[in-house]
Amino acid sequence: MLQQAQDFRDESEAIHGLLLPLADVDYERPTLFKRWTINEILRHLHVWNIAADLALADAEAFRGFLAQMASGIRGGRLPDFEKTYLDGLSGTALRQAWIAQVRAMTPRFAAADPKQRVSWVGPEMSVISSITARLMESWAHAQAIYDVLGAGRVDSDRIGNIVRLGVNTYGWTFKTASRSRPVRCRGCG
């Protein structure tokens, strides 16, 4: 079993527990992240979890999703596309659909070959990188929800996956920006 898949699910379950007591009206609270509401953050996570699952299962369907997304955001905002894509799903119903997707996709990622290549919006990536990216997105976007709800967050060893992702992609960030990777200063210790 791919540990990163279980870590993704565990992180999502922690977020689910945070959201569980909320009433539907609470999901419209704006956060400090671009003033996105909790609904917008959860829709974002849900849509891109669906996309990652599609990329794993059916590359052609994933390409169809990308075409739909590209058409849907012309002249608009990504959250508007995501709301339309999910047919306006919000609040408790959105939370339930999101966690059901997480629970359904986790075993598929856990059973997949970690080195298998899958398509993505940018360059393709390995299955292990794909599920780690879902974990990173979930962890990062959830921080805005923890903050707006005034809830304390207890991180676990799952965050190590995000650290490794950052280290592994550090050089790539400079390459995609057509910039030279900085040389570590000798003697700056």
C-alpha atoms as a PDB file:
ATOM      1  CA  MET A   1       0.000   0.000   0.000  1.00  0.00           C
ATOM      2  CA  LEU A   2       1.184   3.477  -0.860  1.00  0.00           C
ATOM      3  CA  GLN A   3       1.596   5.300   2.463  1.00  0.00           C
ATOM      4  CA  GLN A   4       1.057   8.695   0.829  1.00  0.00           C
ATOM      5  CA  ALA A   5      -2.471   7.621  -0.136  1.00  0.00           C
ATOM      6  CA  GLN A   6      -3.270   6.773   3.474  1.00  0.00           C
ATOM      7  CA  ASP A   7      -1.697  10.041   4.622  1.00  0.00           C
ATOM      8  CA  PHE A   8      -3.904  11.920   2.124  1.00  0.00           C
ATOM      9  CA  ARG A   9      -6.971  10.181   3.509  1.00  0.00           C
ATOM     10  CA  ASP A  10      -5.935  10.801   7.118  1.00  0.00           C
ATOM     11  CA  GLU A  11      -5.386  14.513   6.418  1.00  0.00           C
ATOM     12  CA  SER A  12      -8.753  14.707   4.665  1.00  0.00           C
ATOM     13  CA  GLU A  13     -10.446  12.929   7.584  1.00  0.00           C
ATOM     14  CA  ALA A  14      -8.943  15.520   9.965  1.00  0.00           C
ATOM     15  CA  ILE A  15     -10.376  18.312   7.793  1.00  0.00           C
ATOM     16  CA  HIS A  16     -13.703  16.465   7.650  1.00  0.00           C
ATOM     17  CA  GLY A  17     -13.769  16.349  11.455  1.00  0.00           C
ATOM     18  CA  LEU A  18     -13.168  20.099  11.560  1.00  0.00           C
ATOM     19  CA  LEU A  19     -16.069  20.731   9.170  1.00  0.00           C
ATOM     20  CA  LEU A  20     -18.508  18.236  10.700  1.00  0.00           C
ATOM     21  CA  PRO A  21     -20.125  20.599  13.230  1.00  0.00           C
ATOM     22  CA  LEU A  22     -20.642  23.425  10.714  1.00  0.00           C
ATOM     23  CA  ALA A  23     -24.091  24.516   9.573  1.00  0.00           C
ATOM     24  CA  ASP A  24     -24.574  25.201   5.870  1.00  0.00           C
ATOM     25  CA  VAL A  25     -24.432  28.969   6.461  1.00  0.00           C
ATOM     26  CA  ASP A  26     -20.945  28.620   8.021  1.00  0.00           C
ATOM     27  CA  TYR A  27     -19.527  27.423   4.707  1.00  0.00           C
ATOM     28  CA  GLU A  28     -20.071  30.918   3.287  1.00  0.00           C
ATOM     29  CA  ARG A  29     -17.581  32.462   5.710  1.00  0.00           C
ATOM     30  CA  PRO A  30     -14.760  34.154   3.786  1.00  0.00           C
ATOM     31  CA  THR A  31     -11.224  33.148   4.670  1.00  0.00           C
ATOM     32  CA  LEU A  32      -8.005  35.124   4.454  1.00  0.00           C
ATOM     33  CA  PHE A  33      -6.999  33.105   1.374  1.00  0.00           C
ATOM     34  CA  LYS A  34      -8.112  35.387  -1.474  1.00  0.00           C
ATOM     35  CA  ARG A  35     -11.362  35.891   0.491  1.00  0.00           C
ATOM     36  CA  TRP A  36     -12.422  32.433  -0.722  1.00  0.00           C
ATOM     37  CA  THR A  37     -15.228  31.017   1.361  1.00  0.00           C
ATOM     38  CA  ILE A  38     -15.036  27.621   3.013  1.00  0.00           C
ATOM     39  CA  ASN A  39     -17.353  26.437   0.216  1.00  0.00           C
ATOM     40  CA  GLU A  40     -14.928  27.693  -2.425  1.00  0.00           C
ATOM     41  CA  ILE A  41     -11.956  26.001  -0.762  1.00  0.00           C
ATOM     42  CA  LEU A  42     -13.808  22.720  -0.355  1.00  0.00           C
ATOM     43  CA  ARG A  43     -15.080  22.844  -3.957  1.00  0.00           C
ATOM     44  CA  HIS A  44     -11.522  23.474  -5.122  1.00  0.00           C
ATOM     45  CA  LEU A  45     -10.231  20.443  -3.225  1.00  0.00           C
ATOM     46  CA  HIS A  46     -13.114  18.281  -4.410  1.00  0.00           C
ATOM     47  CA  VAL A  47     -12.841  19.195  -8.094  1.00  0.00           C
ATOM     48  CA  TRP A  48      -9.087  18.614  -8.223  1.00  0.00           C
ATOM     49  CA  ASN A  49      -9.398  15.354  -6.283  1.00  0.00           C
ATOM     50  CA  ILE A  50     -11.856  14.249  -8.962  1.00  0.00           C
ATOM     51  CA  ALA A  51      -9.380  15.397 -11.619  1.00  0.00           C
ATOM     52  CA  ALA A  52      -6.485  13.468 -10.042  1.00  0.00           C
ATOM     53  CA  ASP A  53      -8.653  10.366  -9.808  1.00  0.00           C
ATOM     54  CA  LEU A  54      -9.587  10.761 -13.482  1.00  0.00           C
ATOM     55  CA  ALA A  55      -5.936  11.165 -14.440  1.00  0.00           C
ATOM     56  CA  LEU A  56      -5.159   7.886 -12.688  1.00  0.00           C
ATOM     57  CA  ALA A  57      -8.084   5.928 -14.118  1.00  0.00           C
ATOM     58  CA  ASP A  58      -8.752   7.372 -17.576  1.00  0.00           C
ATOM     59  CA  ALA A  59      -6.331   9.715 -19.344  1.00  0.00           C
ATOM     60  CA  GLU A  60      -8.871  10.495 -22.083  1.00  0.00           C
ATOM     61  CA  ALA A  61     -11.536  11.491 -19.547  1.00  0.00           C
ATOM     62  CA  PHE A  62      -8.940  13.646 -17.796  1.00  0.00           C
ATOM     63  CA  ARG A  63      -8.155  15.443 -21.071  1.00  0.00           C
ATOM     64  CA  GLY A  64     -11.900  16.031 -21.464  1.00  0.00           C
ATOM     65  CA  PHE A  65     -11.996  17.516 -17.982  1.00  0.00           C
ATOM     66  CA  LEU A  66      -9.103  19.857 -18.852  1.00  0.00           C
ATOM     67  CA  ALA A  67     -10.899  21.025 -21.993  1.00  0.00           C
ATOM     68  CA  GLN A  68     -14.055  21.669 -19.978  1.00  0.00           C
ATOM     69  CA  MET A  69     -12.049  23.546 -17.349  1.00  0.00           C
ATOM     70  CA  ALA A  70     -10.213  25.672 -19.936  1.00  0.00           C
ATOM     71  CA  SER A  71     -13.509  26.610 -21.551  1.00  0.00           C
ATOM     72  CA  GLY A  72     -15.141  27.227 -18.174  1.00  0.00           C
ATOM     73  CA  ILE A  73     -12.593  29.691 -16.839  1.00  0.00           C
ATOM     74  CA  ARG A  74     -12.292  31.914 -19.906  1.00  0.00           C
ATOM     75  CA  GLY A  75     -12.904  35.406 -18.604  1.00  0.00           C
ATOM     76  CA  GLY A  76     -13.849  34.069 -15.175  1.00  0.00           C
ATOM     77  CA  ARG A  77     -12.418  32.819 -11.954  1.00  0.00           C
ATOM     78  CA  LEU A  78     -11.417  29.259 -11.150  1.00  0.00           C
ATOM     79  CA  PRO A  79     -13.874  29.108  -8.203  1.00  0.00           C
ATOM     80  CA  ASP A  80     -16.704  29.998 -10.604  1.00  0.00           C
ATOM     81  CA  PHE A  81     -15.792  27.073 -12.875  1.00  0.00           C
ATOM     82  CA  GLU A  82     -15.541  24.747  -9.871  1.00  0.00           C
ATOM     83  CA  LYS A  83     -18.978  25.816  -8.617  1.00  0.00           C
ATOM     84  CA  THR A  84     -20.479  25.235 -12.055  1.00  0.00           C
ATOM     85  CA  TYR A  85     -18.671  21.910 -12.461  1.00  0.00           C
ATOM     86  CA  LEU A  86     -20.178  20.730  -9.168  1.00  0.00           C
ATOM     87  CA  ASP A  87     -23.601  22.114 -10.062  1.00  0.00           C
ATOM     88  CA  GLY A  88     -23.535  24.572  -7.159  1.00  0.00           C
ATOM     89  CA  LEU A  89     -22.901  21.916  -4.509  1.00  0.00           C
ATOM     90  CA  SER A  90     -22.289  23.573  -1.135  1.00  0.00           C
ATOM     91  CA  GLY A  91     -22.339  23.182   2.616  1.00  0.00           C
ATOM     92  CA  THR A  92     -23.018  19.807   4.184  1.00  0.00           C
ATOM     93  CA  ALA A  93     -23.812  18.162   0.831  1.00  0.00           C
ATOM     94  CA  LEU A  94     -20.460  19.363  -0.542  1.00  0.00           C
ATOM     95  CA  ARG A  95     -18.607  18.085   2.525  1.00  0.00           C
ATOM     96  CA  GLN A  96     -20.261  14.689   2.154  1.00  0.00           C
ATOM     97  CA  ALA A  97     -19.479  14.457  -1.578  1.00  0.00           C
ATOM     98  CA  TRP A  98     -15.874  15.558  -1.012  1.00  0.00           C
ATOM     99  CA  ILE A  99     -15.138  13.022   1.737  1.00  0.00           C
ATOM    100  CA  ALA A 100     -16.883  10.264  -0.241  1.00  0.00           C
ATOM    101  CA  GLN A 101     -14.561  11.028  -3.179  1.00  0.00           C
ATOM    102  CA  VAL A 102     -11.526  10.962  -0.877  1.00  0.00           C
ATOM    103  CA  ARG A 103     -12.585   7.613   0.561  1.00  0.00           C
ATOM    104  CA  ALA A 104     -13.251   6.171  -2.913  1.00  0.00           C
ATOM    105  CA  MET A 105     -10.015   7.321  -4.532  1.00  0.00           C
ATOM    106  CA  THR A 106      -7.651   6.415  -1.685  1.00  0.00           C
ATOM    107  CA  PRO A 107      -7.659   2.649  -2.374  1.00  0.00           C
ATOM    108  CA  ARG A 108      -7.102   3.243  -6.101  1.00  0.00           C
ATOM    109  CA  PHE A 109      -4.023   5.345  -5.414  1.00  0.00           C
ATOM    110  CA  ALA A 110      -2.852   2.990  -2.683  1.00  0.00           C
ATOM    111  CA  ALA A 111      -2.914   0.049  -5.109  1.00  0.00           C
ATOM    112  CA  ALA A 112      -1.349   1.862  -8.075  1.00  0.00           C
ATOM    113  CA  ASP A 113       2.278   1.554  -9.133  1.00  0.00           C
ATOM    114  CA  PRO A 114       3.924   4.573  -7.444  1.00  0.00           C
ATOM    115  CA  LYS A 115       6.106   5.184 -10.515  1.00  0.00           C
ATOM    116  CA  GLN A 116       3.239   5.071 -13.031  1.00  0.00           C
ATOM    117  CA  ARG A 117       3.020   8.359 -14.921  1.00  0.00           C
ATOM    118  CA  VAL A 118      -0.256  10.279 -14.920  1.00  0.00           C
ATOM    119  CA  SER A 119      -1.281  13.399 -16.803  1.00  0.00           C
ATOM    120  CA  TRP A 120      -1.784  16.696 -15.054  1.00  0.00           C
ATOM    121  CA  VAL A 121      -2.401  20.348 -15.849  1.00  0.00           C
ATOM    122  CA  GLY A 122       1.329  20.922 -16.167  1.00  0.00           C
ATOM    123  CA  PRO A 123       3.806  18.165 -16.887  1.00  0.00           C
ATOM    124  CA  GLU A 124       2.834  14.597 -16.132  1.00  0.00           C
ATOM    125  CA  MET A 125       3.914  13.175 -12.811  1.00  0.00           C
ATOM    126  CA  SER A 126       4.222   9.905 -10.950  1.00  0.00           C
ATOM    127  CA  VAL A 127       1.312   8.441  -8.995  1.00  0.00           C
ATOM    128  CA  ILE A 128       3.232   9.040  -5.770  1.00  0.00           C
ATOM    129  CA  SER A 129       3.716  12.712  -6.695  1.00  0.00           C
ATOM    130  CA  SER A 130       0.069  13.043  -7.703  1.00  0.00           C
ATOM    131  CA  ILE A 131      -1.334  11.795  -4.398  1.00  0.00           C
ATOM    132  CA  THR A 132       1.290  13.765  -2.476  1.00  0.00           C
ATOM    133  CA  ALA A 133       0.194  16.879  -4.366  1.00  0.00           C
ATOM    134  CA  ARG A 134      -3.403  16.176  -3.283  1.00  0.00           C
ATOM    135  CA  LEU A 135      -2.175  15.884   0.304  1.00  0.00           C
ATOM    136  CA  MET A 136      -0.250  19.145  -0.024  1.00  0.00           C
ATOM    137  CA  GLU A 137      -3.247  20.972  -1.499  1.00  0.00           C
ATOM    138  CA  SER A 138      -5.533  19.629   1.212  1.00  0.00           C
ATOM    139  CA  TRP A 139      -3.132  20.544   3.995  1.00  0.00           C
ATOM    140  CA  ALA A 140      -2.356  24.017   2.619  1.00  0.00           C
ATOM    141  CA  HIS A 141      -5.907  25.082   1.745  1.00  0.00           C
ATOM    142  CA  ALA A 142      -7.294  23.712   4.992  1.00  0.00           C
ATOM    143  CA  GLN A 143      -5.094  26.122   6.929  1.00  0.00           C
ATOM    144  CA  ALA A 144      -7.369  28.956   5.837  1.00  0.00           C
ATOM    145  CA  ILE A 145     -10.331  27.025   7.233  1.00  0.00           C
ATOM    146  CA  TYR A 146      -8.575  26.330  10.537  1.00  0.00           C
ATOM    147  CA  ASP A 147      -7.725  30.032  10.755  1.00  0.00           C
ATOM    148  CA  VAL A 148     -11.209  31.372  10.029  1.00  0.00           C
ATOM    149  CA  LEU A 149     -12.728  28.933  12.512  1.00  0.00           C
ATOM    150  CA  GLY A 150     -10.101  29.791  15.134  1.00  0.00           C
ATOM    151  CA  ALA A 151      -9.235  26.108  15.440  1.00  0.00           C
ATOM    152  CA  GLY A 152      -5.837  24.883  16.486  1.00  0.00           C
ATOM    153  CA  ARG A 153      -4.109  22.478  14.160  1.00  0.00           C
ATOM    154  CA  VAL A 154      -2.016  19.553  15.242  1.00  0.00           C
ATOM    155  CA  ASP A 155       0.281  18.464  12.457  1.00  0.00           C
ATOM    156  CA  SER A 156       1.489  14.901  12.236  1.00  0.00           C
ATOM    157  CA  ASP A 157       4.262  13.101  10.404  1.00  0.00           C
ATOM    158  CA  ARG A 158       2.083  13.362   7.257  1.00  0.00           C
ATOM    159  CA  ILE A 159       3.633  16.774   6.697  1.00  0.00           C
ATOM    160  CA  GLY A 160       6.918  15.010   5.895  1.00  0.00           C
ATOM    161  CA  ASN A 161       5.409  14.082   2.517  1.00  0.00           C
ATOM    162  CA  ILE A 162       4.931  17.767   1.735  1.00  0.00           C
ATOM    163  CA  VAL A 163       8.479  18.581   2.800  1.00  0.00           C
ATOM    164  CA  ARG A 164       9.867  15.836   0.538  1.00  0.00           C
ATOM    165  CA  LEU A 165       7.707  17.101  -2.347  1.00  0.00           C
ATOM    166  CA  GLY A 166       9.166  20.581  -1.873  1.00  0.00           C
ATOM    167  CA  VAL A 167      12.723  19.285  -1.770  1.00  0.00           C
ATOM    168  CA  ASN A 168      12.194  17.017  -4.786  1.00  0.00           C
ATOM    169  CA  THR A 169      10.654  19.789  -6.915  1.00  0.00           C
ATOM    170  CA  TYR A 170      12.919  22.643  -5.815  1.00  0.00           C
ATOM    171  CA  GLY A 171      15.101  22.564  -8.940  1.00  0.00           C
ATOM    172  CA  TRP A 172      12.061  22.107 -11.192  1.00  0.00           C
ATOM    173  CA  THR A 173      10.586  25.402  -9.967  1.00  0.00           C
ATOM    174  CA  PHE A 174      13.562  27.289 -11.364  1.00  0.00           C
ATOM    175  CA  LYS A 175      13.527  25.316 -14.604  1.00  0.00           C
ATOM    176  CA  THR A 176       9.858  26.089 -15.290  1.00  0.00           C
ATOM    177  CA  ALA A 177      10.500  29.759 -14.587  1.00  0.00           C
ATOM    178  CA  SER A 178      13.482  29.692 -16.980  1.00  0.00           C
ATOM    179  CA  ARG A 179      15.753  30.795 -14.157  1.00  0.00           C
ATOM    180  CA  SER A 180      19.065  29.468 -12.945  1.00  0.00           C
ATOM    181  CA  ARG A 181      19.002  27.546  -9.731  1.00  0.00           C
ATOM    182  CA  PRO A 182      20.855  29.522  -7.042  1.00  0.00           C
ATOM    183  CA  VAL A 183      24.244  28.202  -6.051  1.00  0.00           C
ATOM    184  CA  ARG A 184      24.567  27.573  -2.348  1.00  0.00           C
ATOM    185  CA  CYS A 185      26.896  30.065  -0.761  1.00  0.00           C
ATOM    186  CA  ARG A 186      30.123  28.387   0.375  1.00  0.00           C
ATOM    187  CA  GLY A 187      31.224  29.535   3.779  1.00  0.00           C
ATOM    188  CA  CYS A 188      27.922  31.259   4.554  1.00  0.00           C
ATOM    189  CA  GLY A 189      27.162  28.521   7.122  1.00  0.00           C
END
